[in-house]
Amino acid sequence: MNSSYHRHVAFPSELGNSTSRQLHGTSPALVIPVGSTEQHGPHLPLDTDTRIAVAVARGVADRLTAADHDSGWMLAPPIGYGASGEHESFPGTVSIGTSALRLLLVEFGRSAATWARRLVFVNGHGGNVEAMAAAVALLRYEGRDAAWCSCGVKDADAHAGHTETSVLLHISPEVVRTDEVVPGNRAPLAELLPAMRNGGVAAVSELGVLGDPTTATATDGERLFAEMVEGCLRRITRWEPDRDGMLT
């Protein structure tokens, strides 16, 4: 046996920066950000959902670790592609669809659960919910301690509007093209869904924006981001998954 491989080393906070030796003999809990690569209007980057999911997941993992240094919470590298078919008429969007995302999440969970004691997926894109619920329900049925939560806030607009633009102005201001910010379709999402089911987001917004990003501010973004982190943290700490593995 190679004794140098098994000697004690400091427990890492991020899976991607870790070595196998650092994880030997441990059983960490893993926080996995899940986002998308899809259009977010002319002013936000394609990885907006992934950026938000990563930032929220990191904030949650840091808070959990600060509360209990022996808890062993780790941040996993993000899953940056999701089910984004409603945005496929816009250049840059890469959607793997619900079936492929479901399979990816299931196989991810099966593999990671061989060494991690608990898995929580932090979702940053609404289009991923169907795959997320199905995948985590199966993982739990198979006996794995998995769950998921979303980066949601109360009264958020639908896409690339005030909410997401404000959060990006807070966490990644350098990527927001403020000179390209223009209002999108501000009708309630429920009114837009029938047309979107047939023609995607482009059927209701030529720019791909649902909401009004012109009102976004970094101050609002700080508040909204804190609400996202607090919401996920509260649900993860309580750990009461419903039948689909969603934390309530």
C-alpha atoms as a PDB file:
ATOM      1  CA  MET A   1       0.000   0.000   0.000  1.00  0.00           C
ATOM      2  CA  ASN A   2       1.279   3.483  -0.864  1.00  0.00           C
ATOM      3  CA  SER A   3       1.274   5.221   2.509  1.00  0.00           C
ATOM      4  CA  SER A   4       1.856   8.646   0.967  1.00  0.00           C
ATOM      5  CA  TYR A   5      -1.447   8.312  -0.917  1.00  0.00           C
ATOM      6  CA  HIS A   6      -3.388   7.765   2.296  1.00  0.00           C
ATOM      7  CA  ARG A   7      -1.778  10.408   4.523  1.00  0.00           C
ATOM      8  CA  HIS A   8      -4.080  13.119   5.873  1.00  0.00           C
ATOM      9  CA  VAL A   9      -4.401  16.290   3.801  1.00  0.00           C
ATOM     10  CA  ALA A  10      -6.601  19.364   4.197  1.00  0.00           C
ATOM     11  CA  PHE A  11     -10.201  18.832   3.116  1.00  0.00           C
ATOM     12  CA  PRO A  12     -10.917  20.852  -0.048  1.00  0.00           C
ATOM     13  CA  SER A  13     -13.942  23.051  -0.711  1.00  0.00           C
ATOM     14  CA  GLU A  14     -14.213  22.509  -4.477  1.00  0.00           C
ATOM     15  CA  LEU A  15     -14.310  19.181  -6.262  1.00  0.00           C
ATOM     16  CA  GLY A  16     -12.585  20.467  -9.388  1.00  0.00           C
ATOM     17  CA  ASN A  17      -9.549  21.659  -7.412  1.00  0.00           C
ATOM     18  CA  SER A  18      -9.271  18.467  -5.378  1.00  0.00           C
ATOM     19  CA  THR A  19      -7.191  15.354  -5.696  1.00  0.00           C
ATOM     20  CA  SER A  20      -8.378  11.817  -5.159  1.00  0.00           C
ATOM     21  CA  ARG A  21      -6.032  11.536  -2.195  1.00  0.00           C
ATOM     22  CA  GLN A  22      -7.673  14.494  -0.488  1.00  0.00           C
ATOM     23  CA  LEU A  23     -11.008  12.704  -0.689  1.00  0.00           C
ATOM     24  CA  HIS A  24      -9.746   9.293   0.420  1.00  0.00           C
ATOM     25  CA  GLY A  25     -11.554   8.127   3.541  1.00  0.00           C
ATOM     26  CA  THR A  26     -14.063  10.995   3.444  1.00  0.00           C
ATOM     27  CA  SER A  27     -17.742  11.108   2.583  1.00  0.00           C
ATOM     28  CA  PRO A  28     -18.529  14.678   1.555  1.00  0.00           C
ATOM     29  CA  ALA A  29     -21.838  16.245   0.612  1.00  0.00           C
ATOM     30  CA  LEU A  30     -21.791  17.622  -2.912  1.00  0.00           C
ATOM     31  CA  VAL A  31     -23.489  20.776  -4.228  1.00  0.00           C
ATOM     32  CA  ILE A  32     -23.878  20.601  -8.025  1.00  0.00           C
ATOM     33  CA  PRO A  33     -24.841  23.737 -10.006  1.00  0.00           C
ATOM     34  CA  VAL A  34     -26.961  23.034 -13.091  1.00  0.00           C
ATOM     35  CA  GLY A  35     -27.485  25.781 -15.663  1.00  0.00           C
ATOM     36  CA  SER A  36     -27.790  26.208 -19.408  1.00  0.00           C
ATOM     37  CA  THR A  37     -26.153  27.682 -22.482  1.00  0.00           C
ATOM     38  CA  GLU A  38     -28.857  29.793 -24.101  1.00  0.00           C
ATOM     39  CA  GLN A  39     -29.587  33.267 -25.368  1.00  0.00           C
ATOM     40  CA  HIS A  40     -30.285  35.934 -22.769  1.00  0.00           C
ATOM     41  CA  GLY A  41     -31.077  38.875 -24.988  1.00  0.00           C
ATOM     42  CA  PRO A  42     -28.503  41.249 -26.483  1.00  0.00           C
ATOM     43  CA  HIS A  43     -27.049  42.250 -23.113  1.00  0.00           C
ATOM     44  CA  LEU A  44     -26.436  39.075 -21.059  1.00  0.00           C
ATOM     45  CA  PRO A  45     -24.079  36.149 -21.794  1.00  0.00           C
ATOM     46  CA  LEU A  46     -25.182  32.704 -22.891  1.00  0.00           C
ATOM     47  CA  ASP A  47     -24.021  31.216 -19.582  1.00  0.00           C
ATOM     48  CA  THR A  48     -26.175  33.505 -17.415  1.00  0.00           C
ATOM     49  CA  ASP A  49     -28.135  30.651 -15.812  1.00  0.00           C
ATOM     50  CA  THR A  50     -24.943  28.713 -15.140  1.00  0.00           C
ATOM     51  CA  ARG A  51     -23.223  31.762 -13.612  1.00  0.00           C
ATOM     52  CA  ILE A  52     -26.144  32.288 -11.258  1.00  0.00           C
ATOM     53  CA  ALA A  53     -26.360  28.604 -10.303  1.00  0.00           C
ATOM     54  CA  VAL A  54     -22.611  28.472  -9.585  1.00  0.00           C
ATOM     55  CA  ALA A  55     -22.673  31.635  -7.484  1.00  0.00           C
ATOM     56  CA  VAL A  56     -25.679  30.467  -5.475  1.00  0.00           C
ATOM     57  CA  ALA A  57     -24.231  26.970  -5.001  1.00  0.00           C
ATOM     58  CA  ARG A  58     -20.912  28.438  -3.864  1.00  0.00           C
ATOM     59  CA  GLY A  59     -22.669  30.754  -1.432  1.00  0.00           C
ATOM     60  CA  VAL A  60     -24.659  27.847  -0.018  1.00  0.00           C
ATOM     61  CA  ALA A  61     -21.617  25.563   0.317  1.00  0.00           C
ATOM     62  CA  ASP A  62     -19.616  28.327   2.014  1.00  0.00           C
ATOM     63  CA  ARG A  63     -22.410  29.038   4.489  1.00  0.00           C
ATOM     64  CA  LEU A  64     -22.900  25.364   5.304  1.00  0.00           C
ATOM     65  CA  THR A  65     -19.176  24.921   5.876  1.00  0.00           C
ATOM     66  CA  ALA A  66     -18.960  28.065   8.011  1.00  0.00           C
ATOM     67  CA  ALA A  67     -21.766  26.722  10.197  1.00  0.00           C
ATOM     68  CA  ASP A  68     -20.025  23.349  10.616  1.00  0.00           C
ATOM     69  CA  HIS A  69     -16.384  22.989   9.562  1.00  0.00           C
ATOM     70  CA  ASP A  70     -16.617  19.215   9.810  1.00  0.00           C
ATOM     71  CA  SER A  71     -19.656  18.924   7.536  1.00  0.00           C
ATOM     72  CA  GLY A  72     -17.592  18.337   4.395  1.00  0.00           C
ATOM     73  CA  TRP A  73     -19.682  20.292   1.873  1.00  0.00           C
ATOM     74  CA  MET A  74     -18.066  20.607  -1.552  1.00  0.00           C
ATOM     75  CA  LEU A  75     -18.888  22.588  -4.687  1.00  0.00           C
ATOM     76  CA  ALA A  76     -18.851  20.513  -7.898  1.00  0.00           C
ATOM     77  CA  PRO A  77     -18.000  21.878 -11.352  1.00  0.00           C
ATOM     78  CA  PRO A  78     -21.213  23.042 -13.047  1.00  0.00           C
ATOM     79  CA  ILE A  79     -23.337  21.187 -15.560  1.00  0.00           C
ATOM     80  CA  GLY A  80     -23.547  23.967 -18.119  1.00  0.00           C
ATOM     81  CA  TYR A  81     -25.983  22.549 -20.669  1.00  0.00           C
ATOM     82  CA  GLY A  82     -29.680  21.996 -20.143  1.00  0.00           C
ATOM     83  CA  ALA A  83     -33.088  21.724 -21.764  1.00  0.00           C
ATOM     84  CA  SER A  84     -33.387  25.008 -23.657  1.00  0.00           C
ATOM     85  CA  GLY A  85     -35.425  24.107 -26.711  1.00  0.00           C
ATOM     86  CA  GLU A  86     -37.538  27.250 -26.403  1.00  0.00           C
ATOM     87  CA  HIS A  87     -34.427  29.320 -27.224  1.00  0.00           C
ATOM     88  CA  GLU A  88     -33.057  27.289 -30.147  1.00  0.00           C
ATOM     89  CA  SER A  89     -34.034  29.845 -32.786  1.00  0.00           C
ATOM     90  CA  PHE A  90     -31.390  32.176 -31.317  1.00  0.00           C
ATOM     91  CA  PRO A  91     -27.691  31.708 -32.240  1.00  0.00           C
ATOM     92  CA  GLY A  92     -25.493  30.424 -29.429  1.00  0.00           C
ATOM     93  CA  THR A  93     -28.128  28.327 -27.715  1.00  0.00           C
ATOM     94  CA  VAL A  94     -27.062  24.726 -27.119  1.00  0.00           C
ATOM     95  CA  SER A  95     -29.871  22.533 -25.791  1.00  0.00           C
ATOM     96  CA  ILE A  96     -29.392  18.859 -24.931  1.00  0.00           C
ATOM     97  CA  GLY A  97     -33.109  18.370 -24.253  1.00  0.00           C
ATOM     98  CA  THR A  98     -35.014  16.908 -21.345  1.00  0.00           C
ATOM     99  CA  SER A  99     -34.271  13.224 -22.043  1.00  0.00           C
ATOM    100  CA  ALA A 100     -30.522  13.697 -22.338  1.00  0.00           C
ATOM    101  CA  LEU A 101     -30.371  15.968 -19.294  1.00  0.00           C
ATOM    102  CA  ARG A 102     -32.344  13.469 -17.241  1.00  0.00           C
ATOM    103  CA  LEU A 103     -29.932  10.689 -18.187  1.00  0.00           C
ATOM    104  CA  LEU A 104     -26.912  12.900 -17.495  1.00  0.00           C
ATOM    105  CA  LEU A 105     -28.187  13.771 -14.012  1.00  0.00           C
ATOM    106  CA  VAL A 106     -29.021  10.155 -13.215  1.00  0.00           C
ATOM    107  CA  GLU A 107     -25.598   8.876 -14.262  1.00  0.00           C
ATOM    108  CA  PHE A 108     -23.878  11.777 -12.498  1.00  0.00           C
ATOM    109  CA  GLY A 109     -25.746  10.936  -9.314  1.00  0.00           C
ATOM    110  CA  ARG A 110     -25.106   7.220  -9.521  1.00  0.00           C
ATOM    111  CA  SER A 111     -21.374   7.777  -9.954  1.00  0.00           C
ATOM    112  CA  ALA A 112     -20.913  10.557  -7.384  1.00  0.00           C
ATOM    113  CA  ALA A 113     -22.954   8.669  -4.781  1.00  0.00           C
ATOM    114  CA  THR A 114     -20.319   5.931  -4.702  1.00  0.00           C
ATOM    115  CA  TRP A 115     -18.129   8.293  -2.621  1.00  0.00           C
ATOM    116  CA  ALA A 116     -20.342  11.277  -1.649  1.00  0.00           C
ATOM    117  CA  ARG A 117     -22.861  10.808   1.161  1.00  0.00           C
ATOM    118  CA  ARG A 118     -25.355  13.408  -0.094  1.00  0.00           C
ATOM    119  CA  LEU A 119     -26.041  15.215  -3.396  1.00  0.00           C
ATOM    120  CA  VAL A 120     -27.966  18.431  -3.960  1.00  0.00           C
ATOM    121  CA  PHE A 121     -28.456  19.905  -7.427  1.00  0.00           C
ATOM    122  CA  VAL A 122     -28.879  23.692  -7.549  1.00  0.00           C
ATOM    123  CA  ASN A 123     -30.872  24.552 -10.659  1.00  0.00           C
ATOM    124  CA  GLY A 124     -30.551  27.862 -12.479  1.00  0.00           C
ATOM    125  CA  HIS A 125     -32.833  27.266 -15.494  1.00  0.00           C
ATOM    126  CA  GLY A 126     -36.580  26.676 -15.429  1.00  0.00           C
ATOM    127  CA  GLY A 127     -36.481  24.459 -18.505  1.00  0.00           C
ATOM    128  CA  ASN A 128     -34.443  21.904 -16.535  1.00  0.00           C
ATOM    129  CA  VAL A 129     -37.150  21.232 -13.951  1.00  0.00           C
ATOM    130  CA  GLU A 130     -38.836  18.297 -15.702  1.00  0.00           C
ATOM    131  CA  ALA A 131     -35.529  16.448 -16.148  1.00  0.00           C
ATOM    132  CA  MET A 132     -34.357  17.383 -12.654  1.00  0.00           C
ATOM    133  CA  ALA A 133     -37.491  16.073 -10.968  1.00  0.00           C
ATOM    134  CA  ALA A 134     -37.484  12.802 -12.895  1.00  0.00           C
ATOM    135  CA  ALA A 135     -33.760  12.173 -12.389  1.00  0.00           C
ATOM    136  CA  VAL A 136     -33.668  12.914  -8.674  1.00  0.00           C
ATOM    137  CA  ALA A 137     -36.853  10.939  -8.029  1.00  0.00           C
ATOM    138  CA  LEU A 138     -35.145   7.930  -9.621  1.00  0.00           C
ATOM    139  CA  LEU A 139     -31.934   8.450  -7.655  1.00  0.00           C
ATOM    140  CA  ARG A 140     -33.924   8.556  -4.431  1.00  0.00           C
ATOM    141  CA  TYR A 141     -35.912   5.468  -5.437  1.00  0.00           C
ATOM    142  CA  GLU A 142     -32.567   3.701  -5.900  1.00  0.00           C
ATOM    143  CA  GLY A 143     -31.606   4.597  -2.338  1.00  0.00           C
ATOM    144  CA  ARG A 144     -29.328   7.584  -2.931  1.00  0.00           C
ATOM    145  CA  ASP A 145     -29.582  10.660  -0.701  1.00  0.00           C
ATOM    146  CA  ALA A 146     -30.192  13.215  -3.458  1.00  0.00           C
ATOM    147  CA  ALA A 147     -32.347  16.315  -3.759  1.00  0.00           C
ATOM    148  CA  TRP A 148     -32.604  19.578  -5.680  1.00  0.00           C
ATOM    149  CA  CYS A 149     -33.621  23.206  -5.325  1.00  0.00           C
ATOM    150  CA  SER A 150     -33.933  26.155  -7.695  1.00  0.00           C
ATOM    151  CA  CYS A 151     -32.422  29.643  -7.649  1.00  0.00           C
ATOM    152  CA  GLY A 152     -35.816  31.293  -7.459  1.00  0.00           C
ATOM    153  CA  VAL A 153     -37.071  34.546  -5.970  1.00  0.00           C
ATOM    154  CA  LYS A 154     -40.574  35.861  -5.412  1.00  0.00           C
ATOM    155  CA  ASP A 155     -42.084  37.946  -8.235  1.00  0.00           C
ATOM    156  CA  ALA A 156     -39.167  37.381 -10.609  1.00  0.00           C
ATOM    157  CA  ASP A 157     -39.685  38.222 -14.268  1.00  0.00           C
ATOM    158  CA  ALA A 158     -39.296  35.417 -16.774  1.00  0.00           C
ATOM    159  CA  HIS A 159     -36.088  35.764 -18.782  1.00  0.00           C
ATOM    160  CA  ALA A 160     -33.198  38.233 -19.140  1.00  0.00           C
ATOM    161  CA  GLY A 161     -35.275  40.970 -17.532  1.00  0.00           C
ATOM    162  CA  HIS A 162     -34.947  42.902 -14.284  1.00  0.00           C
ATOM    163  CA  THR A 163     -34.214  39.871 -12.097  1.00  0.00           C
ATOM    164  CA  GLU A 164     -31.420  38.142 -14.017  1.00  0.00           C
ATOM    165  CA  THR A 165     -29.859  41.404 -15.182  1.00  0.00           C
ATOM    166  CA  SER A 166     -29.753  42.750 -11.635  1.00  0.00           C
ATOM    167  CA  VAL A 167     -28.163  39.537 -10.313  1.00  0.00           C
ATOM    168  CA  LEU A 168     -25.525  39.614 -13.065  1.00  0.00           C
ATOM    169  CA  LEU A 169     -24.783  43.289 -12.296  1.00  0.00           C
ATOM    170  CA  HIS A 170     -24.027  42.091  -8.765  1.00  0.00           C
ATOM    171  CA  ILE A 171     -22.048  38.882  -9.373  1.00  0.00           C
ATOM    172  CA  SER A 172     -20.493  39.537 -12.827  1.00  0.00           C
ATOM    173  CA  PRO A 173     -20.915  43.214 -13.772  1.00  0.00           C
ATOM    174  CA  GLU A 174     -18.135  43.027 -16.327  1.00  0.00           C
ATOM    175  CA  VAL A 175     -20.161  40.743 -18.628  1.00  0.00           C
ATOM    176  CA  VAL A 176     -23.333  42.862 -18.753  1.00  0.00           C
ATOM    177  CA  ARG A 177     -23.512  44.912 -21.958  1.00  0.00           C
ATOM    178  CA  THR A 178     -25.275  47.912 -20.485  1.00  0.00           C
ATOM    179  CA  ASP A 179     -25.317  49.746 -23.820  1.00  0.00           C
ATOM    180  CA  GLU A 180     -27.466  46.911 -25.271  1.00  0.00           C
ATOM    181  CA  VAL A 181     -30.121  46.869 -22.553  1.00  0.00           C
ATOM    182  CA  VAL A 182     -33.643  47.341 -23.944  1.00  0.00           C
ATOM    183  CA  PRO A 183     -37.106  46.353 -22.654  1.00  0.00           C
ATOM    184  CA  GLY A 184     -38.579  43.038 -23.705  1.00  0.00           C
ATOM    185  CA  ASN A 185     -42.072  41.606 -23.625  1.00  0.00           C
ATOM    186  CA  ARG A 186     -43.439  42.489 -20.201  1.00  0.00           C
ATOM    187  CA  ALA A 187     -46.692  40.515 -20.392  1.00  0.00           C
ATOM    188  CA  PRO A 188     -47.248  37.894 -17.660  1.00  0.00           C
ATOM    189  CA  LEU A 189     -45.670  34.542 -18.504  1.00  0.00           C
ATOM    190  CA  ALA A 190     -49.044  32.788 -18.306  1.00  0.00           C
ATOM    191  CA  GLU A 191     -50.259  34.931 -21.207  1.00  0.00           C
ATOM    192  CA  LEU A 192     -47.179  34.156 -23.298  1.00  0.00           C
ATOM    193  CA  LEU A 193     -47.021  30.390 -22.805  1.00  0.00           C
ATOM    194  CA  PRO A 194     -49.514  29.361 -25.542  1.00  0.00           C
ATOM    195  CA  ALA A 195     -47.513  31.168 -28.246  1.00  0.00           C
ATOM    196  CA  MET A 196     -44.201  29.990 -26.740  1.00  0.00           C
ATOM    197  CA  ARG A 197     -45.283  26.351 -26.856  1.00  0.00           C
ATOM    198  CA  ASN A 198     -45.587  26.626 -30.623  1.00  0.00           C
ATOM    199  CA  GLY A 199     -42.821  29.052 -31.522  1.00  0.00           C
ATOM    200  CA  GLY A 200     -40.508  29.331 -28.520  1.00  0.00           C
ATOM    201  CA  VAL A 201     -39.383  32.615 -26.999  1.00  0.00           C
ATOM    202  CA  ALA A 202     -38.878  34.160 -30.445  1.00  0.00           C
ATOM    203  CA  ALA A 203     -42.641  34.004 -30.995  1.00  0.00           C
ATOM    204  CA  VAL A 204     -43.217  36.521 -28.220  1.00  0.00           C
ATOM    205  CA  SER A 205     -39.944  38.481 -28.147  1.00  0.00           C
ATOM    206  CA  GLU A 206     -37.732  39.203 -31.128  1.00  0.00           C
ATOM    207  CA  LEU A 207     -34.937  40.166 -28.728  1.00  0.00           C
ATOM    208  CA  GLY A 208     -35.364  37.095 -26.508  1.00  0.00           C
ATOM    209  CA  VAL A 209     -36.144  39.202 -23.436  1.00  0.00           C
ATOM    210  CA  LEU A 210     -39.181  38.618 -21.214  1.00  0.00           C
ATOM    211  CA  GLY A 211     -39.277  41.462 -18.726  1.00  0.00           C
ATOM    212  CA  ASP A 212     -37.592  44.855 -18.422  1.00  0.00           C
ATOM    213  CA  PRO A 213     -33.834  44.869 -17.848  1.00  0.00           C
ATOM    214  CA  THR A 214     -33.664  48.672 -18.079  1.00  0.00           C
ATOM    215  CA  THR A 215     -34.736  48.880 -14.431  1.00  0.00           C
ATOM    216  CA  ALA A 216     -31.989  46.516 -13.211  1.00  0.00           C
ATOM    217  CA  THR A 217     -29.463  47.651 -10.612  1.00  0.00           C
ATOM    218  CA  ALA A 218     -26.568  46.031  -8.781  1.00  0.00           C
ATOM    219  CA  THR A 219     -28.238  46.973  -5.494  1.00  0.00           C
ATOM    220  CA  ASP A 220     -31.335  45.008  -6.441  1.00  0.00           C
ATOM    221  CA  GLY A 221     -29.063  42.219  -7.636  1.00  0.00           C
ATOM    222  CA  GLU A 222     -27.368  41.977  -4.254  1.00  0.00           C
ATOM    223  CA  ARG A 223     -30.739  41.672  -2.547  1.00  0.00           C
ATOM    224  CA  LEU A 224     -32.081  39.127  -5.043  1.00  0.00           C
ATOM    225  CA  PHE A 225     -28.906  37.053  -4.902  1.00  0.00           C
ATOM    226  CA  ALA A 226     -29.006  36.974  -1.105  1.00  0.00           C
ATOM    227  CA  GLU A 227     -32.625  35.815  -1.321  1.00  0.00           C
ATOM    228  CA  MET A 228     -31.606  32.990  -3.683  1.00  0.00           C
ATOM    229  CA  VAL A 229     -28.820  31.824  -1.374  1.00  0.00           C
ATOM    230  CA  GLU A 230     -30.974  32.084   1.753  1.00  0.00           C
ATOM    231  CA  GLY A 231     -33.815  30.185   0.109  1.00  0.00           C
ATOM    232  CA  CYS A 232     -31.621  27.282  -0.989  1.00  0.00           C
ATOM    233  CA  LEU A 233     -29.719  27.274   2.299  1.00  0.00           C
ATOM    234  CA  ARG A 234     -32.918  27.094   4.311  1.00  0.00           C
ATOM    235  CA  ARG A 235     -34.292  24.214   2.251  1.00  0.00           C
ATOM    236  CA  ILE A 236     -31.021  22.283   2.255  1.00  0.00           C
ATOM    237  CA  THR A 237     -30.612  22.685   6.013  1.00  0.00           C
ATOM    238  CA  ARG A 238     -34.183  21.452   6.566  1.00  0.00           C
ATOM    239  CA  TRP A 239     -33.705  18.600   4.025  1.00  0.00           C
ATOM    240  CA  GLU A 240     -37.287  17.564   3.381  1.00  0.00           C
ATOM    241  CA  PRO A 241     -37.416  16.379  -0.259  1.00  0.00           C
ATOM    242  CA  ASP A 242     -40.844  15.877  -1.822  1.00  0.00           C
ATOM    243  CA  ARG A 243     -41.725  12.884  -4.037  1.00  0.00           C
ATOM    244  CA  ASP A 244     -39.636  14.369  -6.902  1.00  0.00           C
ATOM    245  CA  GLY A 245     -36.692  15.159  -4.670  1.00  0.00           C
ATOM    246  CA  MET A 246     -37.377  18.906  -4.623  1.00  0.00           C
ATOM    247  CA  LEU A 247     -36.466  20.503  -1.306  1.00  0.00           C
ATOM    248  CA  THR A 248     -39.388  22.317   0.258  1.00  0.00           C
END
